[in-house]
Amino acid sequence: MKRNVKIVTIIVVVLIAAFLLLPILSGNAPIPENISAREIGEFIGGFARYWIDVLRSAFSFFL
């Protein structure tokens, strides 16, 4: 039972890391150099834009 919990934990951590790192590694969400509202907004906007594009391309297969 404990082994299953460890495996599930590892899978969840990897999924969360992928969810957060894919937009950054693709260059769509530039890492902010300082804590200005503009740079934080560009980061969040790029992050959201990346996942919207991913979902749009994934669901365009069904349409």
PDB file of N, CA and C in Angstrom:
ATOM      1  N   MET A   1       0.823  -1.202   0.000  1.00  0.00           N
ATOM      2  CA  MET A   1       0.000   0.000   0.000  1.00  0.00           C
ATOM      3  C   MET A   1       0.862   1.260   0.000  1.00  0.00           C
ATOM      4  N   LYS A   2       1.928   1.259   0.815  1.00  0.00           N
ATOM      5  CA  LYS A   2       2.791   2.436   0.883  1.00  0.00           C
ATOM      6  C   LYS A   2       3.524   2.660  -0.429  1.00  0.00           C
ATOM      7  N   ARG A   3       3.828   1.577  -1.133  1.00  0.00           N
ATOM      8  CA  ARG A   3       4.526   1.711  -2.415  1.00  0.00           C
ATOM      9  C   ARG A   3       3.638   2.414  -3.436  1.00  0.00           C
ATOM     10  N   ASN A   4       2.336   2.111  -3.430  1.00  0.00           N
ATOM     11  CA  ASN A   4       1.403   2.755  -4.349  1.00  0.00           C
ATOM     12  C   ASN A   4       1.308   4.255  -4.079  1.00  0.00           C
ATOM     13  N   VAL A   5       1.331   4.626  -2.820  1.00  0.00           N
ATOM     14  CA  VAL A   5       1.255   6.036  -2.460  1.00  0.00           C
ATOM     15  C   VAL A   5       2.499   6.773  -2.966  1.00  0.00           C
ATOM     16  N   LYS A   6       3.657   6.153  -2.858  1.00  0.00           N
ATOM     17  CA  LYS A   6       4.884   6.775  -3.345  1.00  0.00           C
ATOM     18  C   LYS A   6       4.849   6.954  -4.853  1.00  0.00           C
ATOM     19  N   ILE A   7       4.361   5.964  -5.564  1.00  0.00           N
ATOM     20  CA  ILE A   7       4.285   6.047  -7.021  1.00  0.00           C
ATOM     21  C   ILE A   7       3.315   7.142  -7.444  1.00  0.00           C
ATOM     22  N   VAL A   8       2.168   7.199  -6.799  1.00  0.00           N
ATOM     23  CA  VAL A   8       1.180   8.231  -7.117  1.00  0.00           C
ATOM     24  C   VAL A   8       1.746   9.617  -6.808  1.00  0.00           C
ATOM     25  N   THR A   9       2.465   9.758  -5.711  1.00  0.00           N
ATOM     26  CA  THR A   9       3.072  11.039  -5.357  1.00  0.00           C
ATOM     27  C   THR A   9       4.083  11.478  -6.408  1.00  0.00           C
ATOM     28  N   ILE A  10       4.909  10.555  -6.852  1.00  0.00           N
ATOM     29  CA  ILE A  10       5.905  10.880  -7.874  1.00  0.00           C
ATOM     30  C   ILE A  10       5.223  11.300  -9.173  1.00  0.00           C
ATOM     31  N   ILE A  11       4.174  10.594  -9.559  1.00  0.00           N
ATOM     32  CA  ILE A  11       3.450  10.930 -10.786  1.00  0.00           C
ATOM     33  C   ILE A  11       2.824  12.316 -10.683  1.00  0.00           C
ATOM     34  N   VAL A  12       2.240  12.633  -9.542  1.00  0.00           N
ATOM     35  CA  VAL A  12       1.613  13.946  -9.347  1.00  0.00           C
ATOM     36  C   VAL A  12       2.657  15.057  -9.401  1.00  0.00           C
ATOM     37  N   VAL A  13       3.801  14.849  -8.775  1.00  0.00           N
ATOM     38  CA  VAL A  13       4.863  15.869  -8.793  1.00  0.00           C
ATOM     39  C   VAL A  13       5.371  16.086 -10.214  1.00  0.00           C
ATOM     40  N   VAL A  14       5.543  15.015 -10.980  1.00  0.00           N
ATOM     41  CA  VAL A  14       6.010  15.141 -12.358  1.00  0.00           C
ATOM     42  C   VAL A  14       4.972  15.884 -13.202  1.00  0.00           C
ATOM     43  N   LEU A  15       3.696  15.591 -13.023  1.00  0.00           N
ATOM     44  CA  LEU A  15       2.654  16.282 -13.782  1.00  0.00           C
ATOM     45  C   LEU A  15       2.598  17.773 -13.448  1.00  0.00           C
ATOM     46  N   ILE A  16       2.728  18.106 -12.175  1.00  0.00           N
ATOM     47  CA  ILE A  16       2.723  19.517 -11.774  1.00  0.00           C
ATOM     48  C   ILE A  16       3.941  20.236 -12.350  1.00  0.00           C
ATOM     49  N   ALA A  17       5.102  19.582 -12.297  1.00  0.00           N
ATOM     50  CA  ALA A  17       6.311  20.185 -12.854  1.00  0.00           C
ATOM     51  C   ALA A  17       6.167  20.401 -14.357  1.00  0.00           C
ATOM     52  N   ALA A  18       5.604  19.422 -15.055  1.00  0.00           N
ATOM     53  CA  ALA A  18       5.399  19.568 -16.500  1.00  0.00           C
ATOM     54  C   ALA A  18       4.428  20.708 -16.793  1.00  0.00           C
ATOM     55  N   PHE A  19       3.361  20.792 -16.006  1.00  0.00           N
ATOM     56  CA  PHE A  19       2.366  21.845 -16.196  1.00  0.00           C
ATOM     57  C   PHE A  19       2.988  23.229 -16.032  1.00  0.00           C
ATOM     58  N   LEU A  20       3.892  23.369 -15.089  1.00  0.00           N
ATOM     59  CA  LEU A  20       4.509  24.668 -14.839  1.00  0.00           C
ATOM     60  C   LEU A  20       5.694  24.952 -15.751  1.00  0.00           C
ATOM     61  N   LEU A  21       6.460  23.927 -16.112  1.00  0.00           N
ATOM     62  CA  LEU A  21       7.694  24.157 -16.862  1.00  0.00           C
ATOM     63  C   LEU A  21       7.528  24.195 -18.375  1.00  0.00           C
ATOM     64  N   LEU A  22       6.532  23.528 -18.921  1.00  0.00           N
ATOM     65  CA  LEU A  22       6.376  23.507 -20.376  1.00  0.00           C
ATOM     66  C   LEU A  22       6.224  24.898 -20.987  1.00  0.00           C
ATOM     67  N   PRO A  23       5.384  25.780 -20.437  1.00  0.00           N
ATOM     68  CA  PRO A  23       5.292  27.132 -21.012  1.00  0.00           C
ATOM     69  C   PRO A  23       6.599  27.918 -20.897  1.00  0.00           C
ATOM     70  N   ILE A  24       7.340  27.710 -19.820  1.00  0.00           N
ATOM     71  CA  ILE A  24       8.598  28.423 -19.634  1.00  0.00           C
ATOM     72  C   ILE A  24       9.642  27.916 -20.616  1.00  0.00           C
ATOM     73  N   LEU A  25       9.743  26.592 -20.746  1.00  0.00           N
ATOM     74  CA  LEU A  25      10.747  26.011 -21.635  1.00  0.00           C
ATOM     75  C   LEU A  25      10.448  26.275 -23.108  1.00  0.00           C
ATOM     76  N   SER A  26       9.173  26.444 -23.449  1.00  0.00           N
ATOM     77  CA  SER A  26       8.821  26.720 -24.840  1.00  0.00           C
ATOM     78  C   SER A  26       9.077  28.180 -25.205  1.00  0.00           C
ATOM     79  N   GLY A  27       9.282  29.032 -24.219  1.00  0.00           N
ATOM     80  CA  GLY A  27       9.556  30.442 -24.476  1.00  0.00           C
ATOM     81  C   GLY A  27       8.312  31.304 -24.496  1.00  0.00           C
ATOM     82  N   ASN A  28       7.147  30.739 -24.246  1.00  0.00           N
ATOM     83  CA  ASN A  28       5.910  31.524 -24.245  1.00  0.00           C
ATOM     84  C   ASN A  28       5.722  32.318 -22.965  1.00  0.00           C
ATOM     85  N   ALA A  29       6.271  31.843 -21.866  1.00  0.00           N
ATOM     86  CA  ALA A  29       6.132  32.529 -20.586  1.00  0.00           C
ATOM     87  C   ALA A  29       7.524  32.892 -20.078  1.00  0.00           C
ATOM     88  N   PRO A  30       8.012  34.084 -20.432  1.00  0.00           N
ATOM     89  CA  PRO A  30       9.355  34.466 -19.989  1.00  0.00           C
ATOM     90  C   PRO A  30       9.402  34.657 -18.474  1.00  0.00           C
ATOM     91  N   ILE A  31      10.459  34.172 -17.861  1.00  0.00           N
ATOM     92  CA  ILE A  31      10.607  34.303 -16.410  1.00  0.00           C
ATOM     93  C   ILE A  31      10.850  35.775 -16.077  1.00  0.00           C
ATOM     94  N   PRO A  32      10.066  36.340 -15.151  1.00  0.00           N
ATOM     95  CA  PRO A  32      10.234  37.751 -14.800  1.00  0.00           C
ATOM     96  C   PRO A  32      11.607  38.018 -14.178  1.00  0.00           C
ATOM     97  N   GLU A  33      12.238  39.105 -14.599  1.00  0.00           N
ATOM     98  CA  GLU A  33      13.535  39.477 -14.038  1.00  0.00           C
ATOM     99  C   GLU A  33      13.378  40.273 -12.746  1.00  0.00           C
ATOM    100  N   ASN A  34      12.277  40.991 -12.613  1.00  0.00           N
ATOM    101  CA  ASN A  34      11.983  41.682 -11.364  1.00  0.00           C
ATOM    102  C   ASN A  34      10.487  41.565 -11.094  1.00  0.00           C
ATOM    103  N   ILE A  35      10.071  42.097  -9.967  1.00  0.00           N
ATOM    104  CA  ILE A  35       8.671  41.938  -9.568  1.00  0.00           C
ATOM    105  C   ILE A  35       7.884  43.183  -9.951  1.00  0.00           C
ATOM    106  N   SER A  36       7.843  43.479 -11.241  1.00  0.00           N
ATOM    107  CA  SER A  36       7.020  44.586 -11.704  1.00  0.00           C
ATOM    108  C   SER A  36       5.712  44.001 -12.237  1.00  0.00           C
ATOM    109  N   ALA A  37       4.689  44.803 -12.179  1.00  0.00           N
ATOM    110  CA  ALA A  37       3.372  44.329 -12.619  1.00  0.00           C
ATOM    111  C   ALA A  37       3.396  43.924 -14.092  1.00  0.00           C
ATOM    112  N   ARG A  38       4.137  44.658 -14.899  1.00  0.00           N
ATOM    113  CA  ARG A  38       4.208  44.362 -16.331  1.00  0.00           C
ATOM    114  C   ARG A  38       4.839  42.997 -16.593  1.00  0.00           C
ATOM    115  N   GLU A  39       5.952  42.706 -15.930  1.00  0.00           N
ATOM    116  CA  GLU A  39       6.633  41.431 -16.162  1.00  0.00           C
ATOM    117  C   GLU A  39       5.833  40.251 -15.608  1.00  0.00           C
ATOM    118  N   ILE A  40       5.220  40.430 -14.481  1.00  0.00           N
ATOM    119  CA  ILE A  40       4.368  39.372 -13.922  1.00  0.00           C
ATOM    120  C   ILE A  40       3.188  39.130 -14.854  1.00  0.00           C
ATOM    121  N   GLY A  41       2.608  40.199 -15.387  1.00  0.00           N
ATOM    122  CA  GLY A  41       1.499  40.063 -16.327  1.00  0.00           C
ATOM    123  C   GLY A  41       1.902  39.360 -17.605  1.00  0.00           C
ATOM    124  N   GLU A  42       3.102  39.669 -18.122  1.00  0.00           N
ATOM    125  CA  GLU A  42       3.581  38.985 -19.321  1.00  0.00           C
ATOM    126  C   GLU A  42       3.799  37.500 -19.055  1.00  0.00           C
ATOM    127  N   PHE A  43       4.300  37.174 -17.862  1.00  0.00           N
ATOM    128  CA  PHE A  43       4.513  35.776 -17.503  1.00  0.00           C
ATOM    129  C   PHE A  43       3.183  35.026 -17.423  1.00  0.00           C
ATOM    130  N   ILE A  44       2.228  35.582 -16.708  1.00  0.00           N
ATOM    131  CA  ILE A  44       0.923  34.925 -16.552  1.00  0.00           C
ATOM    132  C   ILE A  44       0.197  34.854 -17.891  1.00  0.00           C
ATOM    133  N   GLY A  45       0.281  35.922 -18.680  1.00  0.00           N
ATOM    134  CA  GLY A  45      -0.343  35.915 -19.995  1.00  0.00           C
ATOM    135  C   GLY A  45       0.261  34.871 -20.918  1.00  0.00           C
ATOM    136  N   GLY A  46       1.580  34.753 -20.911  1.00  0.00           N
ATOM    137  CA  GLY A  46       2.242  33.740 -21.721  1.00  0.00           C
ATOM    138  C   GLY A  46       1.906  32.338 -21.272  1.00  0.00           C
ATOM    139  N   PHE A  47       1.821  32.166 -19.966  1.00  0.00           N
ATOM    140  CA  PHE A  47       1.443  30.876 -19.391  1.00  0.00           C
ATOM    141  C   PHE A  47       0.039  30.478 -19.843  1.00  0.00           C
ATOM    142  N   ALA A  48      -0.901  31.401 -19.724  1.00  0.00           N
ATOM    143  CA  ALA A  48      -2.287  31.126 -20.123  1.00  0.00           C
ATOM    144  C   ALA A  48      -2.399  30.927 -21.625  1.00  0.00           C
ATOM    145  N   ARG A  49      -1.696  31.751 -22.401  1.00  0.00           N
ATOM    146  CA  ARG A  49      -1.731  31.635 -23.855  1.00  0.00           C
ATOM    147  C   ARG A  49      -1.219  30.269 -24.316  1.00  0.00           C
ATOM    148  N   TYR A  50      -0.162  29.777 -23.670  1.00  0.00           N
ATOM    149  CA  TYR A  50       0.397  28.471 -24.018  1.00  0.00           C
ATOM    150  C   TYR A  50      -0.645  27.367 -23.822  1.00  0.00           C
ATOM    151  N   TRP A  51      -1.282  27.344 -22.653  1.00  0.00           N
ATOM    152  CA  TRP A  51      -2.234  26.270 -22.371  1.00  0.00           C
ATOM    153  C   TRP A  51      -3.511  26.404 -23.184  1.00  0.00           C
ATOM    154  N   ILE A  52      -3.918  27.623 -23.522  1.00  0.00           N
ATOM    155  CA  ILE A  52      -5.074  27.807 -24.402  1.00  0.00           C
ATOM    156  C   ILE A  52      -4.759  27.263 -25.784  1.00  0.00           C
ATOM    157  N   ASP A  53      -3.560  27.542 -26.289  1.00  0.00           N
ATOM    158  CA  ASP A  53      -3.155  27.009 -27.594  1.00  0.00           C
ATOM    159  C   ASP A  53      -3.073  25.489 -27.577  1.00  0.00           C
ATOM    160  N   VAL A  54      -2.560  24.926 -26.491  1.00  0.00           N
ATOM    161  CA  VAL A  54      -2.478  23.467 -26.374  1.00  0.00           C
ATOM    162  C   VAL A  54      -3.871  22.857 -26.389  1.00  0.00           C
ATOM    163  N   LEU A  55      -4.775  23.409 -25.604  1.00  0.00           N
ATOM    164  CA  LEU A  55      -6.142  22.873 -25.562  1.00  0.00           C
ATOM    165  C   LEU A  55      -6.857  23.067 -26.892  1.00  0.00           C
ATOM    166  N   ARG A  56      -6.636  24.214 -27.519  1.00  0.00           N
ATOM    167  CA  ARG A  56      -7.267  24.476 -28.817  1.00  0.00           C
ATOM    168  C   ARG A  56      -6.790  23.466 -29.859  1.00  0.00           C
ATOM    169  N   SER A  57      -5.494  23.211 -29.892  1.00  0.00           N
ATOM    170  CA  SER A  57      -4.990  22.249 -30.879  1.00  0.00           C
ATOM    171  C   SER A  57      -5.399  20.825 -30.527  1.00  0.00           C
ATOM    172  N   ALA A  58      -5.521  20.509 -29.258  1.00  0.00           N
ATOM    173  CA  ALA A  58      -5.954  19.164 -28.862  1.00  0.00           C
ATOM    174  C   ALA A  58      -7.419  18.933 -29.226  1.00  0.00           C
ATOM    175  N   PHE A  59      -8.266  19.933 -29.025  1.00  0.00           N
ATOM    176  CA  PHE A  59      -9.683  19.761 -29.310  1.00  0.00           C
ATOM    177  C   PHE A  59     -10.038  20.023 -30.761  1.00  0.00           C
ATOM    178  N   SER A  60      -9.144  20.607 -31.536  1.00  0.00           N
ATOM    179  CA  SER A  60      -9.429  20.807 -32.953  1.00  0.00           C
ATOM    180  C   SER A  60      -9.474  19.472 -33.683  1.00  0.00           C
ATOM    181  N   PHE A  61      -8.853  18.474 -33.109  1.00  0.00           N
ATOM    182  CA  PHE A  61      -8.906  17.132 -33.682  1.00  0.00           C
ATOM    183  C   PHE A  61     -10.341  16.599 -33.687  1.00  0.00           C
ATOM    184  N   PHE A  62     -11.107  16.957 -32.657  1.00  0.00           N
ATOM    185  CA  PHE A  62     -12.471  16.457 -32.531  1.00  0.00           C
ATOM    186  C   PHE A  62     -13.486  17.266 -33.329  1.00  0.00           C
ATOM    187  N   LEU A  63     -13.122  18.453 -33.727  1.00  0.00           N
ATOM    188  CA  LEU A  63     -14.084  19.314 -34.432  1.00  0.00           C
ATOM    189  C   LEU A  63     -14.040  19.125 -35.927  1.00  0.00           C
TER     190      LEU A  63
END
